[in-house]
Amino acid sequence: EFHLRLRLSELGFTITDEFVVHDRFY
């Protein structure tokens, strides 16, 4: 996820919210 967050900032996006779901895995 850290790579995606970095690329979002580089590509001109801003993160508005985040969630985590546990369904066997996170």
PDB file of all heavy atoms in Angstrom:
ATOM      1  N   GLU A   1       0.827  -1.211   0.000  1.00  0.00           N
ATOM      2  CA  GLU A   1       0.000   0.000   0.000  1.00  0.00           C
ATOM      3  C   GLU A   1       0.861   1.261   0.000  1.00  0.00           C
ATOM      4  O   GLU A   1       0.476   2.290  -0.560  1.00  0.00           O
ATOM      5  CB  GLU A   1      -0.924   0.023   1.225  1.00  0.00           C
ATOM      6  CG  GLU A   1      -1.854  -1.163   1.355  1.00  0.00           C
ATOM      7  CD  GLU A   1      -1.216  -2.307   2.130  1.00  0.00           C
ATOM      8  OE1 GLU A   1      -0.241  -2.063   2.884  1.00  0.00           O
ATOM      9  OE2 GLU A   1      -1.680  -3.451   1.969  1.00  0.00           O
ATOM     10  N   PHE A   2       2.030   1.177   0.639  1.00  0.00           N
ATOM     11  CA  PHE A   2       2.911   2.350   0.720  1.00  0.00           C
ATOM     12  C   PHE A   2       3.318   2.820  -0.662  1.00  0.00           C
ATOM     13  O   PHE A   2       3.420   4.026  -0.925  1.00  0.00           O
ATOM     14  CB  PHE A   2       4.150   2.053   1.576  1.00  0.00           C
ATOM     15  CG  PHE A   2       5.021   0.940   1.049  1.00  0.00           C
ATOM     16  CD1 PHE A   2       6.031   1.195   0.144  1.00  0.00           C
ATOM     17  CD2 PHE A   2       4.817  -0.368   1.472  1.00  0.00           C
ATOM     18  CE1 PHE A   2       6.827   0.167  -0.348  1.00  0.00           C
ATOM     19  CE2 PHE A   2       5.612  -1.402   0.987  1.00  0.00           C
ATOM     20  CZ  PHE A   2       6.613  -1.135   0.078  1.00  0.00           C
ATOM     21  N   HIS A   3       3.559   1.868  -1.586  1.00  0.00           N
ATOM     22  CA  HIS A   3       3.943   2.242  -2.954  1.00  0.00           C
ATOM     23  C   HIS A   3       2.777   2.941  -3.648  1.00  0.00           C
ATOM     24  O   HIS A   3       2.983   3.955  -4.354  1.00  0.00           O
ATOM     25  CB  HIS A   3       4.367   1.017  -3.756  1.00  0.00           C
ATOM     26  CG  HIS A   3       4.618   1.321  -5.201  1.00  0.00           C
ATOM     27  ND1 HIS A   3       5.774   1.952  -5.635  1.00  0.00           N
ATOM     28  CD2 HIS A   3       3.848   1.118  -6.316  1.00  0.00           C
ATOM     29  CE1 HIS A   3       5.714   2.115  -6.954  1.00  0.00           C
ATOM     30  NE2 HIS A   3       4.561   1.627  -7.389  1.00  0.00           N
ATOM     31  N   LEU A   4       1.567   2.431  -3.475  1.00  0.00           N
ATOM     32  CA  LEU A   4       0.412   3.044  -4.114  1.00  0.00           C
ATOM     33  C   LEU A   4       0.192   4.461  -3.578  1.00  0.00           C
ATOM     34  O   LEU A   4      -0.092   5.388  -4.341  1.00  0.00           O
ATOM     35  CB  LEU A   4      -0.839   2.187  -3.899  1.00  0.00           C
ATOM     36  CG  LEU A   4      -2.132   2.709  -4.533  1.00  0.00           C
ATOM     37  CD1 LEU A   4      -1.954   2.966  -6.028  1.00  0.00           C
ATOM     38  CD2 LEU A   4      -3.281   1.736  -4.288  1.00  0.00           C
ATOM     39  N   ARG A   5       0.338   4.636  -2.270  1.00  0.00           N
ATOM     40  CA  ARG A   5       0.186   5.984  -1.695  1.00  0.00           C
ATOM     41  C   ARG A   5       1.221   6.947  -2.279  1.00  0.00           C
ATOM     42  O   ARG A   5       0.900   8.093  -2.602  1.00  0.00           O
ATOM     43  CB  ARG A   5       0.315   5.910  -0.170  1.00  0.00           C
ATOM     44  CG  ARG A   5      -0.824   5.152   0.512  1.00  0.00           C
ATOM     45  CD  ARG A   5      -0.671   5.181   2.031  1.00  0.00           C
ATOM     46  NE  ARG A   5      -1.716   4.401   2.672  1.00  0.00           N
ATOM     47  CZ  ARG A   5      -1.518   3.283   3.355  1.00  0.00           C
ATOM     48  NH1 ARG A   5      -0.290   2.805   3.504  1.00  0.00           N
ATOM     49  NH2 ARG A   5      -2.516   2.630   3.895  1.00  0.00           N
ATOM     50  N   LEU A   6       2.450   6.490  -2.404  1.00  0.00           N
ATOM     51  CA  LEU A   6       3.502   7.327  -2.967  1.00  0.00           C
ATOM     52  C   LEU A   6       3.173   7.728  -4.397  1.00  0.00           C
ATOM     53  O   LEU A   6       3.274   8.907  -4.777  1.00  0.00           O
ATOM     54  CB  LEU A   6       4.838   6.589  -2.922  1.00  0.00           C
ATOM     55  CG  LEU A   6       6.030   7.298  -3.590  1.00  0.00           C
ATOM     56  CD1 LEU A   6       6.317   8.624  -2.893  1.00  0.00           C
ATOM     57  CD2 LEU A   6       7.255   6.397  -3.573  1.00  0.00           C
ATOM     58  N   ARG A   7       2.755   6.761  -5.199  1.00  0.00           N
ATOM     59  CA  ARG A   7       2.445   7.040  -6.605  1.00  0.00           C
ATOM     60  C   ARG A   7       1.216   7.926  -6.746  1.00  0.00           C
ATOM     61  O   ARG A   7       1.148   8.770  -7.659  1.00  0.00           O
ATOM     62  CB  ARG A   7       2.255   5.728  -7.365  1.00  0.00           C
ATOM     63  CG  ARG A   7       3.513   4.935  -7.563  1.00  0.00           C
ATOM     64  CD  ARG A   7       4.508   5.684  -8.444  1.00  0.00           C
ATOM     65  NE  ARG A   7       4.070   5.715  -9.838  1.00  0.00           N
ATOM     66  CZ  ARG A   7       4.193   6.753 -10.645  1.00  0.00           C
ATOM     67  NH1 ARG A   7       4.722   7.892 -10.209  1.00  0.00           N
ATOM     68  NH2 ARG A   7       3.776   6.702 -11.899  1.00  0.00           N
ATOM     69  N   LEU A   8       0.242   7.771  -5.852  1.00  0.00           N
ATOM     70  CA  LEU A   8      -0.925   8.656  -5.884  1.00  0.00           C
ATOM     71  C   LEU A   8      -0.495  10.111  -5.725  1.00  0.00           C
ATOM     72  O   LEU A   8      -0.963  10.993  -6.446  1.00  0.00           O
ATOM     73  CB  LEU A   8      -1.913   8.270  -4.782  1.00  0.00           C
ATOM     74  CG  LEU A   8      -2.763   7.020  -5.034  1.00  0.00           C
ATOM     75  CD1 LEU A   8      -3.477   6.591  -3.751  1.00  0.00           C
ATOM     76  CD2 LEU A   8      -3.780   7.262  -6.144  1.00  0.00           C
ATOM     77  N   SER A   9       0.402  10.351  -4.780  1.00  0.00           N
ATOM     78  CA  SER A   9       0.874  11.721  -4.561  1.00  0.00           C
ATOM     79  C   SER A   9       1.653  12.235  -5.772  1.00  0.00           C
ATOM     80  O   SER A   9       1.551  13.405  -6.134  1.00  0.00           O
ATOM     81  CB  SER A   9       1.736  11.796  -3.297  1.00  0.00           C
ATOM     82  OG  SER A   9       2.957  11.096  -3.457  1.00  0.00           O
ATOM     83  N   GLU A  10       2.420  11.360  -6.414  1.00  0.00           N
ATOM     84  CA  GLU A  10       3.214  11.755  -7.580  1.00  0.00           C
ATOM     85  C   GLU A  10       2.351  11.997  -8.813  1.00  0.00           C
ATOM     86  O   GLU A  10       2.714  12.801  -9.684  1.00  0.00           O
ATOM     87  CB  GLU A  10       4.263  10.684  -7.876  1.00  0.00           C
ATOM     88  CG  GLU A  10       5.331  10.544  -6.790  1.00  0.00           C
ATOM     89  CD  GLU A  10       6.243   9.360  -7.016  1.00  0.00           C
ATOM     90  OE1 GLU A  10       5.880   8.452  -7.792  1.00  0.00           O
ATOM     91  OE2 GLU A  10       7.322   9.325  -6.405  1.00  0.00           O
ATOM     92  N   LEU A  11       1.218  11.301  -8.899  1.00  0.00           N
ATOM     93  CA  LEU A  11       0.353  11.387 -10.078  1.00  0.00           C
ATOM     94  C   LEU A  11      -0.739  12.448  -9.951  1.00  0.00           C
ATOM     95  O   LEU A  11      -1.574  12.585 -10.844  1.00  0.00           O
ATOM     96  CB  LEU A  11      -0.287  10.013 -10.346  1.00  0.00           C
ATOM     97  CG  LEU A  11       0.665   8.911 -10.805  1.00  0.00           C
ATOM     98  CD1 LEU A  11      -0.027   7.551 -10.771  1.00  0.00           C
ATOM     99  CD2 LEU A  11       1.184   9.212 -12.209  1.00  0.00           C
ATOM    100  N   GLY A  12      -0.738  13.180  -8.844  1.00  0.00           N
ATOM    101  CA  GLY A  12      -1.722  14.246  -8.698  1.00  0.00           C
ATOM    102  C   GLY A  12      -3.041  13.802  -8.109  1.00  0.00           C
ATOM    103  O   GLY A  12      -4.102  14.291  -8.509  1.00  0.00           O
ATOM    104  N   PHE A  13      -2.982  12.892  -7.145  1.00  0.00           N
ATOM    105  CA  PHE A  13      -4.174  12.458  -6.417  1.00  0.00           C
ATOM    106  C   PHE A  13      -4.020  12.813  -4.944  1.00  0.00           C
ATOM    107  O   PHE A  13      -2.904  12.936  -4.434  1.00  0.00           O
ATOM    108  CB  PHE A  13      -4.371  10.942  -6.531  1.00  0.00           C
ATOM    109  CG  PHE A  13      -4.767  10.470  -7.902  1.00  0.00           C
ATOM    110  CD1 PHE A  13      -3.806  10.128  -8.840  1.00  0.00           C
ATOM    111  CD2 PHE A  13      -6.109  10.351  -8.248  1.00  0.00           C
ATOM    112  CE1 PHE A  13      -4.163   9.688 -10.105  1.00  0.00           C
ATOM    113  CE2 PHE A  13      -6.476   9.908  -9.511  1.00  0.00           C
ATOM    114  CZ  PHE A  13      -5.500   9.576 -10.441  1.00  0.00           C
ATOM    115  N   THR A  14      -5.132  12.931  -4.266  1.00  0.00           N
ATOM    116  CA  THR A  14      -5.119  13.088  -2.819  1.00  0.00           C
ATOM    117  C   THR A  14      -6.009  12.027  -2.193  1.00  0.00           C
ATOM    118  O   THR A  14      -7.087  11.715  -2.718  1.00  0.00           O
ATOM    119  CB  THR A  14      -5.592  14.499  -2.399  1.00  0.00           C
ATOM    120  OG1 THR A  14      -5.467  14.638  -0.984  1.00  0.00           O
ATOM    121  CG2 THR A  14      -7.030  14.772  -2.814  1.00  0.00           C
ATOM    122  N   ILE A  15      -5.550  11.422  -1.118  1.00  0.00           N
ATOM    123  CA  ILE A  15      -6.307  10.382  -0.427  1.00  0.00           C
ATOM    124  C   ILE A  15      -7.368  11.034   0.448  1.00  0.00           C
ATOM    125  O   ILE A  15      -7.054  11.894   1.268  1.00  0.00           O
ATOM    126  CB  ILE A  15      -5.366   9.501   0.418  1.00  0.00           C
ATOM    127  CG1 ILE A  15      -4.425   8.708  -0.495  1.00  0.00           C
ATOM    128  CG2 ILE A  15      -6.171   8.546   1.308  1.00  0.00           C
ATOM    129  CD1 ILE A  15      -3.325   7.962   0.245  1.00  0.00           C
ATOM    130  N   THR A  16      -8.616  10.622   0.272  1.00  0.00           N
ATOM    131  CA  THR A  16      -9.728  11.201   1.044  1.00  0.00           C
ATOM    132  C   THR A  16     -10.164  10.311   2.194  1.00  0.00           C
ATOM    133  O   THR A  16     -10.722  10.795   3.178  1.00  0.00           O
ATOM    134  CB  THR A  16     -10.933  11.485   0.138  1.00  0.00           C
ATOM    135  OG1 THR A  16     -11.368  10.264  -0.479  1.00  0.00           O
ATOM    136  CG2 THR A  16     -10.558  12.487  -0.956  1.00  0.00           C
ATOM    137  N   ASP A  17      -9.909   9.003   2.090  1.00  0.00           N
ATOM    138  CA  ASP A  17     -10.251   8.094   3.183  1.00  0.00           C
ATOM    139  C   ASP A  17      -9.588   6.746   2.942  1.00  0.00           C
ATOM    140  O   ASP A  17      -9.172   6.434   1.818  1.00  0.00           O
ATOM    141  CB  ASP A  17     -11.771   7.911   3.305  1.00  0.00           C
ATOM    142  CG  ASP A  17     -12.220   7.652   4.737  1.00  0.00           C
ATOM    143  OD1 ASP A  17     -11.362   7.311   5.583  1.00  0.00           O
ATOM    144  OD2 ASP A  17     -13.420   7.785   5.019  1.00  0.00           O
ATOM    145  N   GLU A  18      -9.509   5.961   4.010  1.00  0.00           N
ATOM    146  CA  GLU A  18      -8.935   4.618   3.929  1.00  0.00           C
ATOM    147  C   GLU A  18      -9.670   3.709   4.905  1.00  0.00           C
ATOM    148  O   GLU A  18     -10.163   4.164   5.942  1.00  0.00           O
ATOM    149  CB  GLU A  18      -7.444   4.637   4.292  1.00  0.00           C
ATOM    150  CG  GLU A  18      -6.586   5.440   3.329  1.00  0.00           C
ATOM    151  CD  GLU A  18      -5.143   5.546   3.806  1.00  0.00           C
ATOM    152  OE1 GLU A  18      -4.937   6.134   4.887  1.00  0.00           O
ATOM    153  OE2 GLU A  18      -4.255   5.057   3.109  1.00  0.00           O
ATOM    154  N   PHE A  19      -9.718   2.439   4.560  1.00  0.00           N
ATOM    155  CA  PHE A  19     -10.379   1.449   5.394  1.00  0.00           C
ATOM    156  C   PHE A  19      -9.561   0.161   5.391  1.00  0.00           C
ATOM    157  O   PHE A  19      -8.761  -0.070   4.476  1.00  0.00           O
ATOM    158  CB  PHE A  19     -11.791   1.142   4.867  1.00  0.00           C
ATOM    159  CG  PHE A  19     -12.660   2.354   4.682  1.00  0.00           C
ATOM    160  CD1 PHE A  19     -12.705   3.006   3.460  1.00  0.00           C
ATOM    161  CD2 PHE A  19     -13.416   2.859   5.736  1.00  0.00           C
ATOM    162  CE1 PHE A  19     -13.493   4.133   3.278  1.00  0.00           C
ATOM    163  CE2 PHE A  19     -14.205   3.979   5.577  1.00  0.00           C
ATOM    164  CZ  PHE A  19     -14.237   4.621   4.349  1.00  0.00           C
ATOM    165  N   VAL A  20      -9.782  -0.678   6.392  1.00  0.00           N
ATOM    166  CA  VAL A  20      -9.193  -2.009   6.386  1.00  0.00           C
ATOM    167  C   VAL A  20     -10.299  -3.015   6.674  1.00  0.00           C
ATOM    168  O   VAL A  20     -11.149  -2.794   7.541  1.00  0.00           O
ATOM    169  CB  VAL A  20      -8.032  -2.137   7.410  1.00  0.00           C
ATOM    170  CG1 VAL A  20      -8.516  -1.946   8.838  1.00  0.00           C
ATOM    171  CG2 VAL A  20      -7.300  -3.470   7.234  1.00  0.00           C
ATOM    172  N   VAL A  21     -10.300  -4.085   5.898  1.00  0.00           N
ATOM    173  CA  VAL A  21     -11.313  -5.136   6.023  1.00  0.00           C
ATOM    174  C   VAL A  21     -10.606  -6.448   6.319  1.00  0.00           C
ATOM    175  O   VAL A  21      -9.628  -6.799   5.639  1.00  0.00           O
ATOM    176  CB  VAL A  21     -12.135  -5.268   4.723  1.00  0.00           C
ATOM    177  CG1 VAL A  21     -13.173  -6.374   4.868  1.00  0.00           C
ATOM    178  CG2 VAL A  21     -12.798  -3.955   4.363  1.00  0.00           C
ATOM    179  N   HIS A  22     -11.086  -7.168   7.326  1.00  0.00           N
ATOM    180  CA  HIS A  22     -10.521  -8.482   7.645  1.00  0.00           C
ATOM    181  C   HIS A  22     -11.457  -9.565   7.124  1.00  0.00           C
ATOM    182  O   HIS A  22     -12.590  -9.695   7.575  1.00  0.00           O
ATOM    183  CB  HIS A  22     -10.326  -8.650   9.150  1.00  0.00           C
ATOM    184  CG  HIS A  22      -9.640  -9.935   9.507  1.00  0.00           C
ATOM    185  ND1 HIS A  22     -10.183 -10.888  10.319  1.00  0.00           N
ATOM    186  CD2 HIS A  22      -8.424 -10.436   9.122  1.00  0.00           C
ATOM    187  CE1 HIS A  22      -9.356 -11.909  10.434  1.00  0.00           C
ATOM    188  NE2 HIS A  22      -8.284 -11.656   9.717  1.00  0.00           N
ATOM    189  N   ASP A  23     -10.972 -10.293   6.137  1.00  0.00           N
ATOM    190  CA  ASP A  23     -11.749 -11.375   5.534  1.00  0.00           C
ATOM    191  C   ASP A  23     -10.765 -12.518   5.254  1.00  0.00           C
ATOM    192  O   ASP A  23     -10.325 -12.707   4.143  1.00  0.00           O
ATOM    193  CB  ASP A  23     -12.414 -10.877   4.251  1.00  0.00           C
ATOM    194  CG  ASP A  23     -13.375 -11.894   3.665  1.00  0.00           C
ATOM    195  OD1 ASP A  23     -13.686 -12.888   4.347  1.00  0.00           O
ATOM    196  OD2 ASP A  23     -13.808 -11.702   2.518  1.00  0.00           O
ATOM    197  N   ARG A  24     -10.412 -13.234   6.331  1.00  0.00           N
ATOM    198  CA  ARG A  24      -9.319 -14.210   6.350  1.00  0.00           C
ATOM    199  C   ARG A  24      -7.974 -13.503   6.299  1.00  0.00           C
ATOM    200  O   ARG A  24      -7.073 -13.804   7.065  1.00  0.00           O
ATOM    201  CB  ARG A  24      -9.424 -15.220   5.201  1.00  0.00           C
ATOM    202  CG  ARG A  24     -10.635 -16.154   5.324  1.00  0.00           C
ATOM    203  CD  ARG A  24     -10.710 -17.145   4.195  1.00  0.00           C
ATOM    204  NE  ARG A  24      -9.526 -17.989   4.123  1.00  0.00           N
ATOM    205  CZ  ARG A  24      -8.947 -18.353   2.981  1.00  0.00           C
ATOM    206  NH1 ARG A  24      -9.429 -17.946   1.823  1.00  0.00           N
ATOM    207  NH2 ARG A  24      -7.880 -19.121   2.996  1.00  0.00           N
ATOM    208  N   PHE A  25      -7.822 -12.569   5.379  1.00  0.00           N
ATOM    209  CA  PHE A  25      -6.641 -11.719   5.301  1.00  0.00           C
ATOM    210  C   PHE A  25      -7.078 -10.274   5.536  1.00  0.00           C
ATOM    211  O   PHE A  25      -8.266  -9.970   5.538  1.00  0.00           O
ATOM    212  CB  PHE A  25      -5.976 -11.849   3.926  1.00  0.00           C
ATOM    213  CG  PHE A  25      -5.616 -13.253   3.553  1.00  0.00           C
ATOM    214  CD1 PHE A  25      -6.432 -13.994   2.706  1.00  0.00           C
ATOM    215  CD2 PHE A  25      -4.465 -13.851   4.051  1.00  0.00           C
ATOM    216  CE1 PHE A  25      -6.114 -15.301   2.362  1.00  0.00           C
ATOM    217  CE2 PHE A  25      -4.133 -15.155   3.718  1.00  0.00           C
ATOM    218  CZ  PHE A  25      -4.957 -15.885   2.872  1.00  0.00           C
ATOM    219  N   TYR A  26      -6.104  -9.393   5.716  1.00  0.00           N
ATOM    220  CA  TYR A  26      -6.412  -7.974   5.836  1.00  0.00           C
ATOM    221  C   TYR A  26      -6.306  -7.313   4.457  1.00  0.00           C
ATOM    222  O   TYR A  26      -5.333  -7.514   3.734  1.00  0.00           O
ATOM    223  CB  TYR A  26      -5.450  -7.291   6.809  1.00  0.00           C
ATOM    224  CG  TYR A  26      -5.757  -7.576   8.258  1.00  0.00           C
ATOM    225  CD1 TYR A  26      -5.029  -8.535   8.963  1.00  0.00           C
ATOM    226  CD2 TYR A  26      -6.780  -6.896   8.925  1.00  0.00           C
ATOM    227  CE1 TYR A  26      -5.308  -8.800  10.302  1.00  0.00           C
ATOM    228  CE2 TYR A  26      -7.061  -7.159  10.260  1.00  0.00           C
ATOM    229  CZ  TYR A  26      -6.316  -8.107  10.939  1.00  0.00           C
ATOM    230  OH  TYR A  26      -6.608  -8.361  12.254  1.00  0.00           O
TER     231      TYR A  26
END
